[in-house]
Protein backbone atom coordinates (compact mmCIF):
# COMPACT_ATOMS: atom_id res chain seq x y z
CA UNK A 1 93.97 57.58 111.66
CA UNK A 2 95.94 60.55 112.89
CA UNK A 3 95.66 63.82 110.99
CA UNK A 4 98.40 66.39 111.52
CA UNK A 5 97.57 69.93 110.34
CA UNK A 6 100.43 72.41 110.14
CA UNK A 7 100.28 75.29 112.61
CA UNK A 8 101.34 77.64 109.81
CA UNK A 9 98.81 76.34 107.27
CA UNK A 10 96.62 78.92 105.53
CA UNK A 11 96.48 82.69 105.23
CA UNK A 12 99.66 84.60 105.97
CA UNK A 13 99.51 88.16 107.29
CA UNK A 14 99.85 89.80 103.88
CA UNK A 15 97.09 87.72 102.29
CA UNK A 16 94.74 88.14 105.26
CA UNK A 17 95.31 91.91 105.15
CA UNK A 18 94.57 92.06 101.41
CA UNK A 19 91.45 89.87 101.45
CA UNK A 20 89.92 91.54 104.50
CA UNK A 21 90.83 94.93 103.03
CA UNK A 22 89.06 94.09 99.77
CA UNK A 23 85.94 92.95 101.59
CA UNK A 24 85.88 96.14 103.66
CA UNK A 25 86.40 98.32 100.58
CA UNK A 26 83.45 96.63 98.86
CA UNK A 27 81.19 97.62 101.76
CA UNK A 28 82.04 101.25 101.06
CA UNK A 29 82.30 101.25 97.28
CA UNK A 30 80.77 98.65 94.96
CA UNK A 31 82.45 100.23 91.92
CA UNK A 32 85.97 99.18 92.83
CA UNK A 33 88.38 97.03 90.82
CA UNK A 34 91.53 95.08 91.58
CA UNK A 35 94.53 94.81 89.24
CA UNK A 36 95.14 91.09 88.74
CA UNK A 37 94.09 88.39 91.19
CA UNK A 38 94.17 89.77 94.72
CA UNK A 39 95.79 86.48 95.83
CA UNK A 40 96.51 83.25 93.97
CA UNK A 41 93.43 81.35 95.06
CA UNK A 42 90.57 80.80 92.63
CA UNK A 43 87.97 80.32 95.35
CA UNK A 44 88.90 83.57 97.12
CA UNK A 45 88.77 85.47 93.82
CA UNK A 46 85.37 83.99 92.91
CA UNK A 47 84.01 84.89 96.35
CA UNK A 48 85.03 88.52 95.90
CA UNK A 49 83.58 88.60 92.39
CA UNK A 50 80.20 87.55 93.80
CA UNK A 51 80.42 90.44 96.24
CA UNK A 52 81.00 92.89 93.40
CA UNK A 53 84.76 93.08 92.94
CA UNK A 54 85.89 93.58 89.36
CA UNK A 55 89.27 92.17 88.35
CA UNK A 56 91.20 93.97 85.61
CA UNK A 57 94.60 93.38 83.97
CA UNK A 58 95.51 97.07 83.64
CA UNK A 59 94.29 100.42 84.91
CA UNK A 60 90.97 101.62 83.55
CA UNK A 61 90.58 105.41 83.69
CA UNK A 62 86.80 104.97 83.93
CA UNK A 63 87.21 103.12 87.24
CA UNK A 64 88.20 105.82 89.69
CA UNK A 65 89.12 103.58 92.62
CA UNK A 66 91.50 100.65 92.15
CA UNK A 67 92.79 98.14 94.67
CA UNK A 68 96.35 96.83 94.52
CA UNK A 69 96.77 93.08 95.06
CA UNK A 70 98.97 91.49 97.71
CA UNK A 71 101.68 90.77 95.12
CA UNK A 72 102.04 94.45 94.28
CA UNK A 73 102.47 96.29 90.98
CA UNK A 74 105.20 98.04 89.02
CA UNK A 75 106.15 101.65 89.70
CA UNK A 76 104.82 102.58 86.24
CA UNK A 77 101.29 101.62 87.32
CA UNK A 78 101.52 103.97 90.33
CA UNK A 79 102.69 106.74 88.00
CA UNK A 80 99.84 106.12 85.57
CA UNK A 81 97.28 106.10 88.39
CA UNK A 82 98.56 109.48 89.54
CA UNK A 83 98.40 110.86 86.00
CA UNK A 84 94.83 109.59 85.44
CA UNK A 85 93.74 110.72 88.94
CA UNK A 86 92.78 107.18 89.93
CA UNK A 87 92.55 106.58 93.67
CA UNK A 88 94.74 103.69 94.80
CA UNK A 89 93.84 101.40 97.69
CA UNK A 90 97.19 99.71 98.24
CA UNK A 91 97.13 96.25 99.82
CA UNK A 92 100.55 95.17 98.63
CA UNK A 93 102.13 92.89 101.22
CA UNK A 94 104.51 94.95 103.41
CA UNK A 95 107.23 92.33 102.78
CA UNK A 96 106.94 92.92 99.04
CA UNK A 97 107.10 96.70 99.50
CA UNK A 98 110.27 96.20 101.55
CA UNK A 99 111.86 94.35 98.62
CA UNK A 100 110.90 97.21 96.30
CA UNK A 101 112.69 99.61 98.64
CA UNK A 102 115.79 97.41 98.76
CA UNK A 103 115.85 97.01 94.98
CA UNK A 104 115.52 100.75 94.40
CA UNK A 105 118.17 101.64 97.01
CA UNK A 106 120.78 99.30 95.57
CA UNK A 107 119.91 99.96 91.93
CA UNK A 108 120.28 103.70 92.55
CA UNK A 109 123.60 102.88 94.22
CA UNK A 110 124.95 101.34 91.03
CA UNK A 111 124.31 97.66 91.83
CA UNK A 112 123.27 95.02 89.34
CA UNK A 113 120.53 92.80 90.83
CA UNK A 114 120.02 89.07 90.73
CA UNK A 115 116.42 88.25 91.73
CA UNK A 116 115.59 84.64 92.63
CA UNK A 117 112.12 83.68 91.47
CA UNK A 118 109.78 83.28 88.52
CA UNK A 119 110.09 86.06 85.90
CA UNK A 120 106.36 85.86 85.16
CA UNK A 121 105.23 86.14 88.78
CA UNK A 122 103.44 89.48 89.43
CA UNK A 123 105.51 90.13 92.56
CA UNK A 124 108.73 89.96 90.55
CA UNK A 125 107.35 92.09 87.73
CA UNK A 126 106.85 94.80 90.32
CA UNK A 127 110.33 94.36 91.83
CA UNK A 128 112.05 94.42 88.42
CA UNK A 129 110.56 97.85 87.74
CA UNK A 130 112.72 99.28 90.56
CA UNK A 131 115.99 97.80 89.25
CA UNK A 132 116.81 100.48 86.63
CA UNK A 133 116.95 97.83 83.84
CA UNK A 134 119.90 96.13 85.54
CA UNK A 135 118.39 92.87 86.71
CA UNK A 136 118.54 89.15 85.95
CA UNK A 137 116.06 86.56 87.15
CA UNK A 138 117.51 83.42 88.73
CA UNK A 139 114.99 80.56 88.63
CA UNK A 140 117.54 77.95 89.68
CA UNK A 141 121.29 77.25 89.78
CA UNK A 142 121.45 76.78 85.99
CA UNK A 143 120.70 80.49 85.54
CA UNK A 144 123.73 81.69 87.53
CA UNK A 145 126.39 81.50 84.79
CA UNK A 146 124.28 83.24 82.10
CA UNK A 147 123.39 85.93 84.65
CA UNK A 148 127.06 86.45 85.52
CA UNK A 149 127.79 86.87 81.81
CA UNK A 150 125.15 89.61 81.62
CA UNK A 151 126.72 91.22 84.68
CA UNK A 152 130.08 91.21 82.89
CA UNK A 153 128.51 92.76 79.78
CA UNK A 154 127.11 95.54 81.95
CA UNK A 155 130.63 96.21 83.30
CA UNK A 156 129.29 96.35 86.83
CA UNK A 157 131.37 95.35 89.86
CA UNK A 158 128.59 95.59 92.45
CA UNK A 159 126.00 92.84 92.75
CA UNK A 160 122.95 92.33 94.97
CA UNK A 161 121.22 88.96 95.40
CA UNK A 162 117.59 89.09 96.61
CA UNK A 163 114.57 86.83 96.32
CA UNK A 164 110.86 86.60 95.71
CA UNK A 165 109.13 86.43 99.11
CA UNK A 166 107.83 82.90 98.44
CA UNK A 167 110.99 81.37 96.96
CA UNK A 168 112.41 78.10 98.28
CA UNK A 169 114.71 78.70 101.24
CA UNK A 170 116.87 75.70 100.33
CA UNK A 171 117.22 76.83 96.72
CA UNK A 172 118.13 80.37 97.76
CA UNK A 173 120.86 79.09 100.08
CA UNK A 174 122.30 76.87 97.33
CA UNK A 175 122.24 79.72 94.81
CA UNK A 176 123.94 82.10 97.26
CA UNK A 177 126.67 79.53 97.94
CA UNK A 178 127.17 78.79 94.24
CA UNK A 179 127.28 82.48 93.39
CA UNK A 180 130.00 83.02 96.00
CA UNK A 181 132.02 80.28 94.28
CA UNK A 182 131.52 81.44 90.69
CA UNK A 183 131.61 85.23 90.91
CA UNK A 184 134.78 87.03 89.74
CA UNK A 185 137.03 88.28 92.57
CA UNK A 186 136.44 91.92 91.63
CA UNK A 187 132.67 91.65 92.26
CA UNK A 188 131.36 93.10 95.52
CA UNK A 189 128.48 90.76 96.34
CA UNK A 190 125.72 91.63 98.83
CA UNK A 191 123.28 88.84 99.75
CA UNK A 192 119.90 89.68 101.28
CA UNK A 193 117.50 86.84 102.01
CA UNK A 194 114.16 88.53 101.34
CA UNK A 195 112.06 85.38 101.67
CA UNK A 196 109.36 86.25 104.19
CA UNK A 197 109.38 84.59 107.62
CA UNK A 198 105.93 83.11 107.06
CA UNK A 199 107.16 81.31 103.94
CA UNK A 200 110.23 80.04 105.75
CA UNK A 201 108.21 78.68 108.68
CA UNK A 202 105.65 77.05 106.38
CA UNK A 203 108.34 75.32 104.31
CA UNK A 204 110.19 74.10 107.40
CA UNK A 205 107.02 72.75 109.00
CA UNK A 206 105.99 71.01 105.77
CA UNK A 207 109.32 69.18 105.75
CA UNK A 208 108.97 68.19 109.41
CA UNK A 209 105.42 66.86 109.06
CA UNK A 210 106.11 65.09 105.75
CA UNK A 211 108.81 63.02 107.44
CA UNK A 212 106.33 61.81 110.07
CA UNK A 213 103.34 60.78 107.94
CA UNK A 214 102.28 58.16 105.41
CA UNK A 215 100.71 60.75 103.13
CA UNK A 216 101.11 64.53 102.84
CA UNK A 217 98.32 66.72 101.46
CA UNK A 218 99.08 70.22 100.20
CA UNK A 219 96.06 72.51 99.78
CA UNK A 220 96.44 75.57 97.59
CA UNK A 221 95.82 77.27 94.25
CA UNK A 222 97.45 75.50 91.32
CA UNK A 223 98.83 78.90 90.23
CA UNK A 224 100.19 79.64 93.72
CA UNK A 225 103.98 79.83 93.81
CA UNK A 226 104.28 79.16 97.53
CA UNK A 227 101.87 76.20 97.38
CA UNK A 228 103.84 74.62 94.53
CA UNK A 229 107.00 74.86 96.60
CA UNK A 230 105.28 73.20 99.56
CA UNK A 231 104.31 70.34 97.26
CA UNK A 232 107.92 69.99 96.07
CA UNK A 233 109.08 69.79 99.69
CA UNK A 234 106.34 67.28 100.54
CA UNK A 235 107.37 65.01 97.63
CA UNK A 236 111.01 65.15 98.71
CA UNK A 237 110.19 64.01 102.24
CA UNK A 238 107.17 61.73 101.89
CA UNK A 239 106.54 58.81 99.53
CA UNK A 240 102.91 59.82 99.08
CA UNK A 241 102.17 63.50 98.45
CA UNK A 242 99.18 65.09 96.73
CA UNK A 243 98.41 68.67 95.73
CA UNK A 244 94.74 69.74 95.73
CA UNK A 245 92.74 72.96 95.58
CA UNK A 246 89.59 71.70 97.30
CA UNK A 247 88.21 68.63 99.11
CA UNK A 248 86.45 67.61 95.88
CA UNK A 249 89.79 66.43 94.48
CA UNK A 250 90.27 63.88 97.28
CA UNK A 251 89.97 60.19 96.44
CA UNK A 252 89.18 58.76 99.87
CA UNK A 253 89.90 55.19 98.72
CA UNK A 254 93.61 55.99 98.51
CA UNK A 255 93.77 56.64 102.26
CA UNK A 256 92.64 53.19 103.41
CA UNK A 257 96.14 52.03 104.39
CA UNK A 258 97.44 55.24 105.93
CA UNK A 259 97.76 55.67 109.68
CA UNK A 260 99.09 59.24 109.63
CA UNK A 261 98.12 62.00 107.22
CA UNK A 262 99.74 65.42 107.16
CA UNK A 263 98.11 68.60 105.90
CA UNK A 264 99.72 71.90 104.93
CA UNK A 265 98.10 74.77 103.06
CA UNK A 266 99.54 77.63 101.05
CA UNK A 267 99.52 81.26 102.16
CA UNK A 268 96.45 82.03 100.03
CA UNK A 269 94.31 79.14 101.29
CA UNK A 270 91.37 80.10 103.56
CA UNK A 271 90.85 78.24 106.83
CA UNK A 272 87.43 77.08 105.61
CA UNK A 273 89.06 75.09 102.79
CA UNK A 274 91.45 73.42 105.25
CA UNK A 275 88.52 72.53 107.50
CA UNK A 276 86.64 71.08 104.52
CA UNK A 277 89.53 68.72 103.74
CA UNK A 278 89.88 67.62 107.37
CA UNK A 279 86.14 66.96 107.66
CA UNK A 280 86.14 65.03 104.38
CA UNK A 281 88.91 62.78 105.66
CA UNK A 282 87.11 62.25 108.96
CA UNK A 283 83.99 61.16 107.08
CA UNK A 284 85.86 58.41 105.21
CA UNK A 285 84.58 54.86 105.71
CA UNK A 286 88.18 53.87 106.42
CA UNK A 287 88.38 56.10 109.46
CA UNK A 288 86.92 54.63 112.62
CA UNK A 289 88.56 57.21 114.82
CA UNK A 290 90.63 60.29 114.08
CA UNK A 291 92.88 62.51 116.12
CA UNK A 292 93.61 66.02 114.91
CA UNK A 293 96.92 67.54 115.88
CA UNK A 294 97.73 71.20 115.25
């Protein structure tokens, strides 16, 4: 059996920065909290809880030091922290902060904003707060026409298209093309692909590996947006694709007829969890010899 592990599998820069930052902060202050999950990985969150990290859904004025997750927060939370004199340890991914800056700049310039992504994702909740209440979420192509109608109602002739950092590159390109076709001629459209490079590379590599293997394994949190998209790509390019959080979800009997297995992991998946899956596969009774490519 040949096992191919993606070079871009696992922690991205923003996640690594946030997790390591949280661990370092806990060494200094054991009375620190984080707003929301620091990253979308249950095992990482549980590990930090055991080390003393408290996870809260909103600011608590009795907790004087609060850590900001990799996905970021809304501008109102920053304002409240300042008012309540709560110290902020900001580990928002720099790519997310860049999108906030873009959204604010264009919103202040009179633009209406179309944001590709999930309206309930914490990253987008933060971005929306910088759009001056002139924003529509585009989950897929079906949302374009209703969004254009809202743009018309707002009587705005300037439009910006941006994206959640972990959105599908292929979907964004299709939406941008469709929007160009459907928008009224009087609309000045600016398109900025704000999907982070790490996401783009991970999605591209997942597609490449999935086309080469008999089975594709995606490792990541079930609530992880970027991991879900990797699974979608894997299913599109490989007849056998599975999505797991840990090695415990593997059914080794299903791999008895596979010669090549591909592995990709989401941006919030620790290297240790990838290693666990690889070692579990290598221990299978169906594997006489394995070759790991990465």
